C-alpha atoms as a PDB file:
ATOM      1  CA  MET A   1     105.197  91.319  90.894  1.00  0.00           C
ATOM      2  CA  LYS A   2     102.856  92.951  88.632  1.00  0.00           C
ATOM      3  CA  ILE A   3     101.209  95.929  90.416  1.00  0.00           C
ATOM      4  CA  ILE A   4      97.681  98.450  89.982  1.00  0.00           C
ATOM      5  CA  VAL A   5      98.379 101.601  91.062  1.00  0.00           C
ATOM      6  CA  PHE A   6      95.129 103.493  91.368  1.00  0.00           C
ATOM      7  CA  GLY A   7      95.275 107.138  91.849  1.00  0.00           C
ATOM      8  CA  LEU A   8      98.428 109.192  91.188  1.00  0.00           C
ATOM      9  CA  GLY A   9      98.280 111.583  93.393  1.00  0.00           C
ATOM     10  CA  ASN A  10     101.558 112.581  95.268  1.00  0.00           C
ATOM     11  CA  PHE A  11     100.779 109.602  97.529  1.00  0.00           C
ATOM     12  CA  GLY A  12     100.493 106.924  94.714  1.00  0.00           C
ATOM     13  CA  MET A  13     103.115 108.698  91.957  1.00  0.00           C
ATOM     14  CA  SER A  14     105.174 108.207  94.618  1.00  0.00           C
ATOM     15  CA  LEU A  15     104.207 104.534  95.333  1.00  0.00           C
ATOM     16  CA  ALA A  16     103.883 103.772  92.108  1.00  0.00           C
ATOM     17  CA  ILE A  17     107.835 105.066  90.972  1.00  0.00           C
ATOM     18  CA  SER A  18     108.990 103.531  94.327  1.00  0.00           C
ATOM     19  CA  LEU A  19     107.691  99.689  93.659  1.00  0.00           C
ATOM     20  CA  THR A  20     109.028 100.661  89.915  1.00  0.00           C
ATOM     21  CA  GLU A  21     112.507 101.161  91.259  1.00  0.00           C
ATOM     22  CA  THR A  22     112.342  98.051  93.626  1.00  0.00           C
ATOM     23  CA  GLY A  23     112.389  95.477  90.017  1.00  0.00           C
ATOM     24  CA  ASN A  24     108.398  95.287  90.121  1.00  0.00           C
ATOM     25  CA  GLU A  25     106.266  95.697  86.733  1.00  0.00           C
ATOM     26  CA  VAL A  26     103.720  99.340  87.697  1.00  0.00           C
ATOM     27  CA  ILE A  27     100.598 100.217  86.268  1.00  0.00           C
ATOM     28  CA  GLY A  28      99.105 103.373  87.119  1.00  0.00           C
ATOM     29  CA  VAL A  29      95.780 104.083  86.026  1.00  0.00           C
ATOM     30  CA  ASP A  30      94.302 107.807  86.609  1.00  0.00           C
ATOM     31  CA  LYS A  31      91.612 109.553  85.327  1.00  0.00           C
ATOM     32  CA  ASN A  32      93.305 112.836  85.053  1.00  0.00           C
ATOM     33  CA  ILE A  33      96.045 112.766  81.948  1.00  0.00           C
ATOM     34  CA  GLU A  34      98.267 115.504  83.007  1.00  0.00           C
ATOM     35  CA  LYS A  35      98.938 112.378  86.016  1.00  0.00           C
ATOM     36  CA  VAL A  36      99.092 110.274  83.478  1.00  0.00           C
ATOM     37  CA  ASN A  37     101.208 112.084  81.833  1.00  0.00           C
ATOM     38  CA  LEU A  38     103.902 112.553  84.600  1.00  0.00           C
ATOM     39  CA  VAL A  39     104.188 109.167  85.436  1.00  0.00           C
ATOM     40  CA  LYS A  40     104.288 107.364  82.130  1.00  0.00           C
ATOM     41  CA  ASP A  41     107.862 107.643  81.758  1.00  0.00           C
ATOM     42  CA  LYS A  42     108.926 106.921  84.949  1.00  0.00           C
ATOM     43  CA  ILE A  43     106.918 103.348  85.262  1.00  0.00           C
ATOM     44  CA  SER A  44     106.011 100.423  83.191  1.00  0.00           C
ATOM     45  CA  HIS A  45     102.632 101.390  82.002  1.00  0.00           C
ATOM     46  CA  ALA A  46      99.913 104.204  82.641  1.00  0.00           C
ATOM     47  CA  ILE A  47      96.298 104.921  81.815  1.00  0.00           C
ATOM     48  CA  ALA A  48      93.959 107.220  81.668  1.00  0.00           C
ATOM     49  CA  LEU A  49      90.831 105.940  82.717  1.00  0.00           C
ATOM     50  CA  ASP A  50      87.655 106.251  84.739  1.00  0.00           C
ATOM     51  CA  SER A  51      87.932 103.394  87.526  1.00  0.00           C
ATOM     52  CA  THR A  52      84.489 103.774  88.926  1.00  0.00           C
ATOM     53  CA  ASN A  53      83.227 102.993  85.468  1.00  0.00           C
ATOM     54  CA  GLU A  54      83.191  98.913  85.189  1.00  0.00           C
ATOM     55  CA  LEU A  55      83.467  98.934  81.751  1.00  0.00           C
ATOM     56  CA  SER A  56      86.237 100.694  81.743  1.00  0.00           C
ATOM     57  CA  TYR A  57      88.223  97.857  83.360  1.00  0.00           C
ATOM     58  CA  GLU A  58      88.344  95.644  80.280  1.00  0.00           C
ATOM     59  CA  ALA A  59      91.879  97.674  79.933  1.00  0.00           C
ATOM     60  CA  LEU A  60      93.051  96.719  82.288  1.00  0.00           C
ATOM     61  CA  PRO A  61      95.043  93.134  82.749  1.00  0.00           C
ATOM     62  CA  LEU A  62      93.143  92.901  86.622  1.00  0.00           C
ATOM     63  CA  LYS A  63      93.258  89.264  86.789  1.00  0.00           C
ATOM     64  CA  ASP A  64      96.996  89.278  85.796  1.00  0.00           C
ATOM     65  CA  ALA A  65      97.782  91.290  88.416  1.00  0.00           C
ATOM     66  CA  ASP A  66      99.662  90.269  91.749  1.00  0.00           C
ATOM     67  CA  LYS A  67      98.291  93.155  94.031  1.00  0.00           C
ATOM     68  CA  VAL A  68      96.300  96.368  93.408  1.00  0.00           C
ATOM     69  CA  VAL A  69      96.929  99.157  95.544  1.00  0.00           C
ATOM     70  CA  VAL A  70      93.838 101.636  95.314  1.00  0.00           C
ATOM     71  CA  ALA A  71      95.604 104.722  96.427  1.00  0.00           C
ATOM     72  CA  ILE A  72      93.010 107.865  95.399  1.00  0.00           C
ATOM     73  CA  GLY A  73      92.897 110.379  97.957  1.00  0.00           C
ATOM     74  CA  GLU A  74      91.005 113.075  96.638  1.00  0.00           C
ATOM     75  CA  ASN A  75      87.456 111.088  96.759  1.00  0.00           C
ATOM     76  CA  GLU A  76      86.613 109.240  99.212  1.00  0.00           C
ATOM     77  CA  GLY A  77      83.044 107.682  96.835  1.00  0.00           C
ATOM     78  CA  ALA A  78      85.436 106.817  93.842  1.00  0.00           C
ATOM     79  CA  ALA A  79      87.980 105.302  96.108  1.00  0.00           C
ATOM     80  CA  ILE A  80      85.395 102.939  97.615  1.00  0.00           C
ATOM     81  CA  ILE A  81      83.243 102.586  94.242  1.00  0.00           C
ATOM     82  CA  THR A  82      87.236 101.720  92.630  1.00  0.00           C
ATOM     83  CA  THR A  83      87.341  98.747  95.757  1.00  0.00           C
ATOM     84  CA  ALA A  84      84.430  97.662  95.511  1.00  0.00           C
ATOM     85  CA  ILE A  85      84.854  96.600  91.206  1.00  0.00           C
ATOM     86  CA  ILE A  86      87.332  95.380  91.816  1.00  0.00           C
ATOM     87  CA  LYS A  87      86.607  92.964  94.395  1.00  0.00           C
ATOM     88  CA  LYS A  88      83.828  92.146  92.056  1.00  0.00           C
ATOM     89  CA  LEU A  89      85.943  91.449  88.841  1.00  0.00           C
ATOM     90  CA  SER A  90      89.442  89.611  90.589  1.00  0.00           C
ATOM     91  CA  ASP A  91      90.759  87.694  93.471  1.00  0.00           C
ATOM     92  CA  VAL A  92      93.236  90.582  93.749  1.00  0.00           C
ATOM     93  CA  LYS A  93      94.963  90.788  97.323  1.00  0.00           C
ATOM     94  CA  ILE A  94      93.890  94.640  97.575  1.00  0.00           C
ATOM     95  CA  ILE A  95      95.307  96.951  99.409  1.00  0.00           C
ATOM     96  CA  SER A  96      93.085 100.266  99.941  1.00  0.00           C
ATOM     97  CA  ARG A  97      93.717 104.074 100.907  1.00  0.00           C
ATOM     98  CA  ALA A  98      91.651 105.075 103.844  1.00  0.00           C
ATOM     99  CA  LEU A  99      90.739 108.602 103.757  1.00  0.00           C
ATOM    100  CA  SER A 100      88.546 108.818 106.964  1.00  0.00           C
ATOM    101  CA  PRO A 101      87.129 106.675 109.891  1.00  0.00           C
ATOM    102  CA  ILE A 102      84.166 106.087 108.434  1.00  0.00           C
ATOM    103  CA  HIS A 103      86.125 105.133 105.168  1.00  0.00           C
ATOM    104  CA  ASP A 104      88.459 101.994 107.375  1.00  0.00           C
ATOM    105  CA  THR A 105      84.442 100.938 108.541  1.00  0.00           C
ATOM    106  CA  VAL A 106      83.416 100.084 104.981  1.00  0.00           C
ATOM    107  CA  LEU A 107      86.901  98.577 104.090  1.00  0.00           C
ATOM    108  CA  GLU A 108      86.354  96.412 106.892  1.00  0.00           C
ATOM    109  CA  ALA A 109      82.698  95.476 105.878  1.00  0.00           C
ATOM    110  CA  MET A 110      84.205  94.680 102.307  1.00  0.00           C
ATOM    111  CA  GLY A 111      86.593  92.118 103.699  1.00  0.00           C
ATOM    112  CA  ILE A 112      89.679  94.201 103.207  1.00  0.00           C
ATOM    113  CA  HIS A 113      92.211  94.194 105.247  1.00  0.00           C
ATOM    114  CA  SER A 114      95.113  95.692 104.111  1.00  0.00           C
ATOM    115  CA  ILE A 115      94.465  99.471 104.753  1.00  0.00           C
ATOM    116  CA  ILE A 116      96.486 101.934 104.548  1.00  0.00           C
ATOM    117  CA  HIS A 117      96.838 105.794 105.866  1.00  0.00           C
ATOM    118  CA  PRO A 118      99.590 107.824 103.930  1.00  0.00           C
ATOM    119  CA  GLU A 119      99.954 110.141 106.081  1.00  0.00           C
ATOM    120  CA  GLN A 120     100.581 107.490 109.092  1.00  0.00           C
ATOM    121  CA  GLU A 121     103.176 105.672 106.607  1.00  0.00           C
ATOM    122  CA  SER A 122     105.730 106.422 103.687  1.00  0.00           C
ATOM    123  CA  ALA A 123     105.361 105.369  99.883  1.00  0.00           C
ATOM    124  CA  ASP A 124     108.738 103.864 101.236  1.00  0.00           C
ATOM    125  CA  ARG A 125     108.122 102.097 103.654  1.00  0.00           C
ATOM    126  CA  LEU A 126     104.804 100.844 102.338  1.00  0.00           C
ATOM    127  CA  THR A 127     107.267  99.545  99.389  1.00  0.00           C
ATOM    128  CA  LYS A 128     109.201  97.428 101.713  1.00  0.00           C
ATOM    129  CA  GLN A 129     105.928  95.429 102.368  1.00  0.00           C
ATOM    130  CA  ILE A 130     104.454  95.105  99.426  1.00  0.00           C
ATOM    131  CA  ASN A 131     108.366  93.227  98.046  1.00  0.00           C
ATOM    132  CA  PHE A 132     107.740  90.939 100.784  1.00  0.00           C
ATOM    133  CA  LYS A 133     105.661  88.855  98.483  1.00  0.00           C
ATOM    134  CA  SER A 134     104.546  85.907 100.292  1.00  0.00           C
ATOM    135  CA  THR A 135     104.138  86.780 103.976  1.00  0.00           C
ATOM    136  CA  LEU A 136     100.528  88.322 104.157  1.00  0.00           C
ATOM    137  CA  GLU A 137     100.993  91.259 106.620  1.00  0.00           C
ATOM    138  CA  ASN A 138     104.064  93.378 107.652  1.00  0.00           C
ATOM    139  CA  TYR A 139     105.389  95.675 110.256  1.00  0.00           C
ATOM    140  CA  GLN A 140     108.447  97.547 109.208  1.00  0.00           C
ATOM    141  CA  LEU A 141     110.814  98.320 112.119  1.00  0.00           C
ATOM    142  CA  ASP A 142     113.424 100.415 110.513  1.00  0.00           C
ATOM    143  CA  ASP A 143     115.471  99.191 107.181  1.00  0.00           C
ATOM    144  CA  ASN A 144     116.630  96.064 108.321  1.00  0.00           C
ATOM    145  CA  PHE A 145     114.246  94.759 110.608  1.00  0.00           C
ATOM    146  CA  THR A 146     110.142  93.682 110.291  1.00  0.00           C
ATOM    147  CA  ILE A 147     107.972  91.998 112.567  1.00  0.00           C
ATOM    148  CA  SER A 148     105.561  89.619 109.486  1.00  0.00           C
ATOM    149  CA  GLU A 149     102.951  87.331 109.718  1.00  0.00           C
ATOM    150  CA  VAL A 150     103.607  84.512 107.390  1.00  0.00           C
ATOM    151  CA  LYS A 151     102.360  81.191 107.390  1.00  0.00           C
ATOM    152  CA  ALA A 152     103.382  77.262 108.625  1.00  0.00           C
ATOM    153  CA  LYS A 153     104.930  75.596 106.459  1.00  0.00           C
ATOM    154  CA  PRO A 154     103.449  71.892 106.501  1.00  0.00           C
ATOM    155  CA  GLU A 155     106.271  70.641 108.675  1.00  0.00           C
ATOM    156  CA  PHE A 156     105.241  72.057 111.212  1.00  0.00           C
ATOM    157  CA  PHE A 157     102.031  71.133 111.939  1.00  0.00           C
ATOM    158  CA  GLY A 158     101.314  68.813 115.252  1.00  0.00           C
ATOM    159  CA  LYS A 159     104.254  69.514 116.239  1.00  0.00           C
ATOM    160  CA  THR A 160     104.973  71.183 119.715  1.00  0.00           C
ATOM    161  CA  LEU A 161     106.908  74.177 119.769  1.00  0.00           C
ATOM    162  CA  GLN A 162     110.177  72.620 121.875  1.00  0.00           C
ATOM    163  CA  GLU A 163     110.141  70.094 118.931  1.00  0.00           C
ATOM    164  CA  LEU A 164     110.689  72.431 116.293  1.00  0.00           C
ATOM    165  CA  ASP A 165     113.681  73.781 115.937  1.00  0.00           C
ATOM    166  CA  SER A 166     113.340  74.642 112.351  1.00  0.00           C
ATOM    167  CA  ILE A 167     112.407  78.031 113.391  1.00  0.00           C
ATOM    168  CA  ASP A 168     115.743  78.747 114.943  1.00  0.00           C
ATOM    169  CA  LYS A 169     117.176  77.323 111.073  1.00  0.00           C
ATOM    170  CA  TYR A 170     115.809  80.487 109.762  1.00  0.00           C
ATOM    171  CA  HIS A 171     116.438  82.674 112.972  1.00  0.00           C
ATOM    172  CA  LEU A 172     113.034  83.578 113.313  1.00  0.00           C
ATOM    173  CA  THR A 173     111.157  84.941 116.665  1.00  0.00           C
ATOM    174  CA  LEU A 174     108.370  83.562 117.232  1.00  0.00           C
ATOM    175  CA  ILE A 175     105.861  86.208 118.598  1.00  0.00           C
ATOM    176  CA  THR A 176     102.600  85.063 118.750  1.00  0.00           C
ATOM    177  CA  ILE A 177     100.274  82.221 116.632  1.00  0.00           C
ATOM    178  CA  ILE A 178      97.151  83.536 114.824  1.00  0.00           C
ATOM    179  CA  ARG A 179      94.741  81.290 114.671  1.00  0.00           C
ATOM    180  CA  LYS A 180      90.905  80.819 113.133  1.00  0.00           C
ATOM    181  CA  ARG A 181      87.519  79.991 115.470  1.00  0.00           C
ATOM    182  CA  GLU A 182      83.998  79.896 115.439  1.00  0.00           C
ATOM    183  CA  LYS A 183      82.314  82.394 116.983  1.00  0.00           C
ATOM    184  CA  ARG A 184      79.037  82.702 117.348  1.00  0.00           C
ATOM    185  CA  ASN A 185      77.127  85.609 118.198  1.00  0.00           C
ATOM    186  CA  LEU A 186      73.668  86.768 120.373  1.00  0.00           C
ATOM    187  CA  ILE A 187      71.122  85.169 117.972  1.00  0.00           C
ATOM    188  CA  GLY A 188      73.204  82.320 116.984  1.00  0.00           C
ATOM    189  CA  LYS A 189      74.236  82.685 113.269  1.00  0.00           C
ATOM    190  CA  LYS A 190      78.327  81.650 112.822  1.00  0.00           C
ATOM    191  CA  SER A 191      81.456  83.703 112.073  1.00  0.00           C
ATOM    192  CA  ILE A 192      85.236  82.948 111.702  1.00  0.00           C
ATOM    193  CA  ILE A 193      87.035  84.747 113.191  1.00  0.00           C
ATOM    194  CA  LYS A 194      91.321  84.779 113.959  1.00  0.00           C
ATOM    195  CA  GLU A 195      92.821  86.217 116.814  1.00  0.00           C
ATOM    196  CA  SER A 196      96.029  84.894 118.738  1.00  0.00           C
ATOM    197  CA  ILE A 197      96.767  82.452 121.631  1.00  0.00           C
ATOM    198  CA  GLY A 198      99.230  84.571 122.996  1.00  0.00           C
ATOM    199  CA  ARG A 199     102.745  84.378 124.364  1.00  0.00           C
ATOM    200  CA  PRO A 200     103.590  80.352 123.145  1.00  0.00           C
ATOM    201  CA  ALA A 201     104.648  78.127 124.973  1.00  0.00           C
ATOM    202  CA  PRO A 202     106.981  75.222 124.387  1.00  0.00           C
ATOM    203  CA  ASP A 203     104.163  72.374 125.341  1.00  0.00           C
ATOM    204  CA  THR A 204     102.179  74.810 122.009  1.00  0.00           C
ATOM    205  CA  ILE A 205     101.114  72.291 119.258  1.00  0.00           C
ATOM    206  CA  VAL A 206     101.552  74.791 115.822  1.00  0.00           C
ATOM    207  CA  GLN A 207      98.312  73.676 113.546  1.00  0.00           C
ATOM    208  CA  GLU A 208      96.970  73.768 109.758  1.00  0.00           C
ATOM    209  CA  ASP A 209      96.777  76.902 108.877  1.00  0.00           C
ATOM    210  CA  ASP A 210      98.502  78.611 111.685  1.00  0.00           C
ATOM    211  CA  ILE A 211      99.281  81.678 110.925  1.00  0.00           C
ATOM    212  CA  LEU A 212     103.482  82.700 113.063  1.00  0.00           C
ATOM    213  CA  VAL A 213     104.247  86.579 113.815  1.00  0.00           C
ATOM    214  CA  VAL A 214     107.376  86.374 113.657  1.00  0.00           C
ATOM    215  CA  TYR A 215     110.153  88.971 114.444  1.00  0.00           C
ATOM    216  CA  GLY A 216     113.788  88.532 112.401  1.00  0.00           C
ATOM    217  CA  TYR A 217     116.473  90.407 109.805  1.00  0.00           C
ATOM    218  CA  ASN A 218     114.619  90.818 106.209  1.00  0.00           C
ATOM    219  CA  LYS A 219     116.710  89.047 104.703  1.00  0.00           C
ATOM    220  CA  ASP A 220     115.982  85.563 106.596  1.00  0.00           C
ATOM    221  CA  ILE A 221     112.060  86.226 106.501  1.00  0.00           C
ATOM    222  CA  GLU A 222     112.890  86.495 102.700  1.00  0.00           C
ATOM    223  CA  THR A 223     114.335  83.318 103.305  1.00  0.00           C
ATOM    224  CA  TYR A 224     111.306  81.511 104.508  1.00  0.00           C
ATOM    225  CA  CYS A 225     109.670  83.214 102.381  1.00  0.00           C
ATOM    226  CA  ILE A 226     111.215  81.600  99.363  1.00  0.00           C
ATOM    227  CA  GLY A 227     111.273  77.927 100.663  1.00  0.00           C
ATOM    228  CA  GLN A 228     107.268  78.075 101.270  1.00  0.00           C
ATOM    229  CA  GLU A 229     106.785  79.470  97.480  1.00  0.00           C
ATOM    230  CA  GLU A 230     109.024  76.729  96.275  1.00  0.00           C
ATOM    231  CA  GLN A 231     106.785  74.155  98.778  1.00  0.00           C
ATOM    232  CA  GLN A 232     103.229  75.830  96.928  1.00  0.00           C
ATOM    233  CA  ILE A 233     105.091  75.357  93.698  1.00  0.00           C
ATOM    234  CA  ARG A 234     105.445  71.269  93.694  1.00  0.00           C
ATOM    235  CA  SER A 235     102.118  70.866  95.376  1.00  0.00           C
END
């Protein structure tokens, strides 16, 4: 994958190097030329620019990136502005670092769902999560097993869980299903929210756009996702 990492402090630099070592093309970005020089020989590309200046993004292949990580850790304002500019200029998936509870709130209001807290998770663990290309979200339990959110395959649509033996084919355990539903607030304004259906029953019918929360061995999750990518290419 092509991944751009904004912010080359301790966490951002470790993440950029780890992602490079696992086979990704990584562009590291920081306005501090000393940090850029430290990492330039360890990742694919390193660029010195001010990510709070929208005009500077002309030097970046933002639209060609698969994912962007905003790892800025010294300046909350710069991190928020950087995230906002990226969201304005591209539809790329953004993983953004939060530096405080209010920062979390701002990112959520901006529609950023992948929020990281480096004090709680290592760059190595985040690398493993990013490398699951077709999963939506992941919780890495250890080096071998993960809980992941994956899209239901088209052949599952309209079938009950009892009818489906395809999940068994991938050796994954279904924990729950996340679905979209319409919600109205006190003044009648409609919004779409995602919520779990709870514990699935044998007669639960899989619907289009369902997100399956599954537990399994990392290789089995990768196998499921590879098949999903091939379906998307054919369609």
